[in-house]
Every structure is written in structure tokens, then in C-alpha cells.
Amino acid sequence: MNKCSKVRALRQKVIFVTGGAKSGKSSFALNEAARHEGQKAFIATAEALDEEMKNRIEKHKAQRGKVWDTYEEPLQIAETITRLADRYSVIVIDCLTLWLSNAMHRGVDIELEIENFLNILLHKKQDSYIYIVSNEVGTGIVPENKLARDFRDLAGTMNQKVAGASDEVFMVVAGIPVKIKG
């Protein structure tokens, strides 16, 4: 095995899963991730800001079951991956577009956070799988207001960069995954 192959073998395998709202992307990512052996972590970026969201979060936790250790982290996903990578062979992050929304609402330097996240994906040398779920938001109409247009544009750029850094990319449409990279 040459030096390049050895480095590649040690780098975590990154699988990016995108699709529209309620397309089945989270279920697909969880089902695929569950096939791997070892400890499993789920990084949830959603925040329970109202009763409906609290109920939704609890429902999703129950569906995952006890196999998954859940970490609720609305902003610091790069740091959370770094902290968890040694203990888990599989990590699912759901979802990147909620993380982006959280960062935008808090005035975080989004380009810097995306670069930090990409650096973790590309340079962390762990024997693990990371599944990243993100919404595809650019296939609809042009949003009416600037904040929504900024979000759509940032999400599109972020998704392109993460897909570029991923080993495999899937688009899920109506519950059907289509492999588009890897």
C-alpha cells in the first residue's frame, strides 16, 4: 500500500445525502448508517423553539431507538465531530440546512464555519463513516425576500462544497435514493 492509499484508508468515509423536504433523505441516511458495525452517534442540529418542534424532535429520537447516541448541537458541528470521532464508527449529521439557518440567525461567519466543517471532513484521520443530510432548496422558485434568497444561495454553495468533499453523494426523491457520486 503506498502512502496515499494509507492516508485514504484512514480518512473517514463521507456520504452526503440531499433531497427535498420529506423526501426520505433522513430515513435513507439512518438505514444506510445502521448497516455499519460499531457505536453510532446522531448529531441533531434542530432546536426545539416551539411545541411542535419539541414533539417532532422527540418523535425522531424514538424512531432512532437506543442504538443511536444523540447529540443536540445547533452550531458547533465541526467541534462536535472532532470530539466524537474517536468514540464512534458512524456519525449522522441531520441536517446541514438547519445548521445553516441557525448560524445565519446568530450572525455567525458562515463561510468560515463551512470551511472549518470541510477541513474536519477532509483531514480527520479516523476509520469511520459520516453521513451528512441536507435539504436541496434550489429547485423551487426564486424567493421573494432577501433573507430567503441569501439562505437559498448559501445552502446551494454549502451543498456543492460538501458534495465535492464527499466520497459518495445521494439525491433522494420520493423515497428513492439515486447515487450521483461515488
Protein backbone atom coordinates (compact mmCIF):
# COMPACT_ATOMS: atom_id res chain seq x y z
CA MET A 1 0.00 0.00 0.00
CA ASN A 2 1.51 3.34 -0.98
CA LYS A 3 1.47 6.36 1.32
CA CYS A 4 -1.52 7.97 -0.44
CA SER A 5 -3.60 4.78 -0.12
CA LYS A 6 -2.76 4.52 3.56
CA VAL A 7 -3.92 8.07 4.22
CA ARG A 8 -7.11 7.44 2.26
CA ALA A 9 -7.80 4.25 4.21
CA LEU A 10 -7.57 6.14 7.49
CA ARG A 11 -9.75 9.08 6.44
CA GLN A 12 -13.35 8.78 7.36
CA LYS A 13 -15.74 7.99 4.55
CA VAL A 14 -18.14 10.87 3.98
CA ILE A 15 -21.58 10.23 2.48
CA PHE A 16 -23.71 13.25 1.57
CA VAL A 17 -27.48 12.78 1.28
CA THR A 18 -29.64 15.55 -0.14
CA GLY A 19 -33.22 15.92 -1.31
CA GLY A 20 -36.34 17.95 -0.77
CA ALA A 21 -38.38 18.25 2.42
CA LYS A 22 -39.93 14.90 3.45
CA SER A 23 -38.18 13.15 0.53
CA GLY A 24 -36.93 10.32 2.72
CA LYS A 25 -33.32 11.50 2.92
CA SER A 26 -33.02 11.18 6.72
CA SER A 27 -34.52 7.69 6.72
CA PHE A 28 -32.20 6.64 3.93
CA ALA A 29 -29.12 8.02 5.74
CA LEU A 30 -30.10 6.32 9.01
CA ASN A 31 -30.82 2.99 7.33
CA GLU A 32 -27.53 3.03 5.45
CA ALA A 33 -25.58 4.13 8.53
CA ALA A 34 -27.21 1.44 10.68
CA ARG A 35 -25.68 -1.24 8.44
CA HIS A 36 -22.20 -0.43 9.76
CA GLU A 37 -20.91 -2.04 12.93
CA GLY A 38 -19.81 -0.10 15.98
CA GLN A 39 -21.02 2.77 18.11
CA LYS A 40 -23.35 5.23 16.41
CA ALA A 41 -23.82 8.94 17.05
CA PHE A 42 -26.53 11.23 15.72
CA ILE A 43 -25.81 14.98 15.66
CA ALA A 44 -29.13 16.83 15.56
CA THR A 45 -28.99 20.47 14.53
CA ALA A 46 -32.67 21.25 15.10
CA GLU A 47 -33.69 23.37 18.06
CA ALA A 48 -36.94 22.92 19.97
CA LEU A 49 -38.10 26.53 19.72
CA ASP A 50 -41.81 25.71 19.92
CA GLU A 51 -44.09 22.87 21.00
CA GLU A 52 -44.49 21.41 17.51
CA MET A 53 -40.72 21.19 17.07
CA LYS A 54 -40.29 19.65 20.53
CA ASN A 55 -42.77 16.93 19.58
CA ARG A 56 -41.08 16.40 16.22
CA ILE A 57 -37.66 16.01 17.88
CA GLU A 58 -38.99 13.52 20.43
CA LYS A 59 -40.67 11.51 17.67
CA HIS A 60 -37.40 11.31 15.72
CA LYS A 61 -35.45 10.27 18.82
CA ALA A 62 -37.94 7.47 19.48
CA GLN A 63 -37.71 6.30 15.86
CA ARG A 64 -33.90 6.08 16.06
CA GLY A 65 -34.07 3.97 19.18
CA LYS A 66 -31.37 3.20 21.72
CA VAL A 67 -28.79 2.17 19.11
CA TRP A 68 -28.03 5.85 18.50
CA ASP A 69 -26.46 8.29 20.94
CA THR A 70 -28.00 11.68 20.18
CA TYR A 71 -26.11 14.96 20.50
CA GLU A 72 -28.15 18.12 20.03
CA GLU A 73 -25.82 20.72 18.56
CA PRO A 74 -27.30 23.64 16.63
CA LEU A 75 -23.99 25.36 15.77
CA GLN A 76 -20.71 23.65 16.69
CA ILE A 77 -20.87 20.63 14.39
CA ALA A 78 -17.18 20.67 13.38
CA GLU A 79 -16.14 20.70 17.03
CA THR A 80 -18.70 18.01 17.86
CA ILE A 81 -17.38 15.71 15.13
CA THR A 82 -13.85 16.23 16.44
CA ARG A 83 -14.97 15.41 19.98
CA LEU A 84 -16.94 12.30 18.97
CA ALA A 85 -14.85 10.82 16.16
CA ASP A 86 -12.65 8.68 18.42
CA ARG A 87 -15.67 7.07 20.14
CA TYR A 88 -17.99 6.40 17.21
CA SER A 89 -17.56 4.44 14.00
CA VAL A 90 -20.67 6.04 12.47
CA ILE A 91 -21.88 9.63 12.78
CA VAL A 92 -25.02 11.04 11.15
CA ILE A 93 -25.49 14.82 10.95
CA ASP A 94 -29.09 15.89 10.34
CA CYS A 95 -29.42 18.44 8.96
CA LEU A 96 -26.93 20.83 7.42
CA THR A 97 -29.53 23.33 6.21
CA LEU A 98 -30.94 23.70 9.73
CA TRP A 99 -27.38 24.27 10.92
CA LEU A 100 -27.00 26.96 8.24
CA SER A 101 -30.25 28.60 9.35
CA ASN A 102 -29.10 28.56 12.99
CA ALA A 103 -25.80 30.16 12.00
CA MET A 104 -27.49 32.84 9.89
CA HIS A 105 -29.87 33.80 12.71
CA ARG A 106 -26.97 34.15 15.13
CA GLY A 107 -24.82 36.24 12.78
CA VAL A 108 -22.05 33.64 12.61
CA ASP A 109 -19.34 33.94 9.93
CA ILE A 110 -20.88 31.28 7.70
CA GLU A 111 -18.07 30.98 5.16
CA LEU A 112 -15.59 30.39 8.00
CA GLU A 113 -17.85 27.79 9.63
CA ILE A 114 -18.31 25.96 6.33
CA GLU A 115 -14.54 25.92 5.78
CA ASN A 116 -13.98 24.60 9.34
CA PHE A 117 -16.53 21.88 8.71
CA LEU A 118 -14.93 20.93 5.37
CA ASN A 119 -11.48 20.81 6.99
CA ILE A 120 -12.76 18.33 9.56
CA LEU A 121 -14.29 16.19 6.81
CA LEU A 122 -11.16 16.22 4.66
CA HIS A 123 -8.41 15.97 7.26
CA LYS A 124 -9.69 13.95 10.20
CA LYS A 125 -7.97 10.58 10.06
CA GLN A 126 -10.44 8.19 11.64
CA ASP A 127 -11.73 4.86 10.46
CA SER A 128 -15.37 5.93 10.44
CA TYR A 129 -18.39 6.86 8.37
CA ILE A 130 -20.01 10.27 8.40
CA TYR A 131 -23.45 10.67 6.83
CA ILE A 132 -24.48 14.27 6.20
CA VAL A 133 -28.11 15.13 5.46
CA SER A 134 -29.01 18.43 3.81
CA ASN A 135 -32.02 19.87 2.02
CA GLU A 136 -31.90 20.70 -1.65
CA VAL A 137 -33.52 24.14 -1.68
CA GLY A 138 -32.54 25.46 -5.09
CA THR A 139 -35.07 23.70 -7.29
CA GLY A 140 -38.03 25.94 -6.50
CA ILE A 141 -38.95 29.49 -7.35
CA VAL A 142 -36.71 32.46 -6.54
CA PRO A 143 -37.67 33.57 -3.02
CA GLU A 144 -39.44 36.87 -2.60
CA ASN A 145 -37.28 38.33 0.19
CA LYS A 146 -33.54 38.91 0.59
CA LEU A 147 -33.08 36.70 3.67
CA ALA A 148 -34.68 33.73 1.89
CA ARG A 149 -32.59 34.37 -1.25
CA ASP A 150 -29.42 34.61 0.86
CA PHE A 151 -30.31 31.34 2.59
CA ARG A 152 -31.00 29.59 -0.73
CA ASP A 153 -27.72 30.84 -2.20
CA LEU A 154 -25.65 29.91 0.85
CA ALA A 155 -27.29 26.49 1.07
CA GLY A 156 -26.55 25.83 -2.60
CA THR A 157 -22.90 26.85 -2.23
CA MET A 158 -22.55 24.86 1.01
CA ASN A 159 -24.12 21.76 -0.54
CA GLN A 160 -21.80 21.99 -3.55
CA LYS A 161 -18.72 22.20 -1.32
CA VAL A 162 -19.82 19.36 0.94
CA ALA A 163 -20.74 17.19 -2.06
CA GLY A 164 -17.31 17.93 -3.51
CA ALA A 165 -15.64 16.80 -0.28
CA SER A 166 -17.78 13.66 -0.01
CA ASP A 167 -16.90 10.17 -1.16
CA GLU A 168 -20.49 9.39 -2.13
CA VAL A 169 -23.50 11.62 -2.83
CA PHE A 170 -27.13 10.55 -2.96
CA MET A 171 -30.19 12.51 -4.03
CA VAL A 172 -33.42 11.17 -2.54
CA VAL A 173 -36.62 11.81 -4.48
CA ALA A 174 -40.00 10.47 -3.28
CA GLY A 175 -38.22 7.98 -1.03
CA ILE A 176 -35.98 6.67 -3.80
CA PRO A 177 -32.24 7.24 -3.43
CA VAL A 178 -30.25 7.96 -6.58
CA LYS A 179 -26.47 7.75 -6.32
CA ILE A 180 -24.94 10.71 -8.11
CA LYS A 181 -21.30 10.40 -6.97
CA GLY A 182 -19.03 7.56 -5.91
